[in-house]
Amino acid sequence: MRPESRILYQLCALLLVASLQLSAQETKVVRDLMLWTGAAVEKSLGKDWTLSLGEEIRFKHNISEINNYFTEAGLRYRINKQFALEGGYRFTRDRKSDGSYETRTRYNLDLRFKQPLDFMTIDYRLRYQKEVDGFGLLGQGSDYEKYVRHRVRLRYDDLKRIEPFISGEVFQRFLFAQSGTFHFFRIVTGVKVEPGNWGSFVIAYGFNREITSLQPAVIYQLQMNYTYEF
């Protein structure tokens, strides 16, 4: 190969690599507004057990298209007035960049603690969750995404049918064959409204922010959920 041809080839290769890197950077969403909306039912089973079932749809790209939708079931056991255990399972249809959907499944195990004070309640939740593509939740050889999550919520109790709250949560992520890293944190503030005997509404606003990235993404969420208890 002639010297000038070799130089031209190298320049073309460098331009191709640079363009691929730029396109990869452009595909990362660093600012977005999402909408999380859903409905659920909760059934008390005796004094200490509660069964729940819910459906949720989440929108992305400034609430312009569906991000995913999922069905989630949970079972909670109240140990005493302060402590409770809960397990959950989620079946998700996740939208890909080409518009098709893939299946993801997830389970979680929670330890919950609450402490009432004079005018507010402090809630702490420790959650372990694992999510995989498809249905291989029990397989150890497939790719997975695990999180250990710590959430603290303060709830104001002095109002009759309205409960304002604010919460902070940190997510520690464990990928397949990698050690854990603190991935992002979430801040949410909102109100829970109980207008009567036919359920409760939660309206909230918050954001997720990456911790470790040099170009951290900040994703805002508007949340609207309804729960019927019986």
Foldseek 3Di string as FASTA:
>chain_A
DDPVVVVVVVVVVVVVVVVVVVVVVVPDAQEKEKEKEWEKEWEDDPDFKIKMKMKIWMAIRNRPGTQKIKIKIKMKGDPDPFKIKMKMKIWMWGADPVGHTFIKIKMKIKIKGWDDDDFKIKIKIWMKMKMDTDDPPPDLPGKIKIKTKIKIKIWGHPDDFKIKMKMKMWIWIDIRPDDIDTFKMKIKIWMWGDPDQFWIKIWMKIWIWTDPDPSIGIYIYTYIYIYGYD
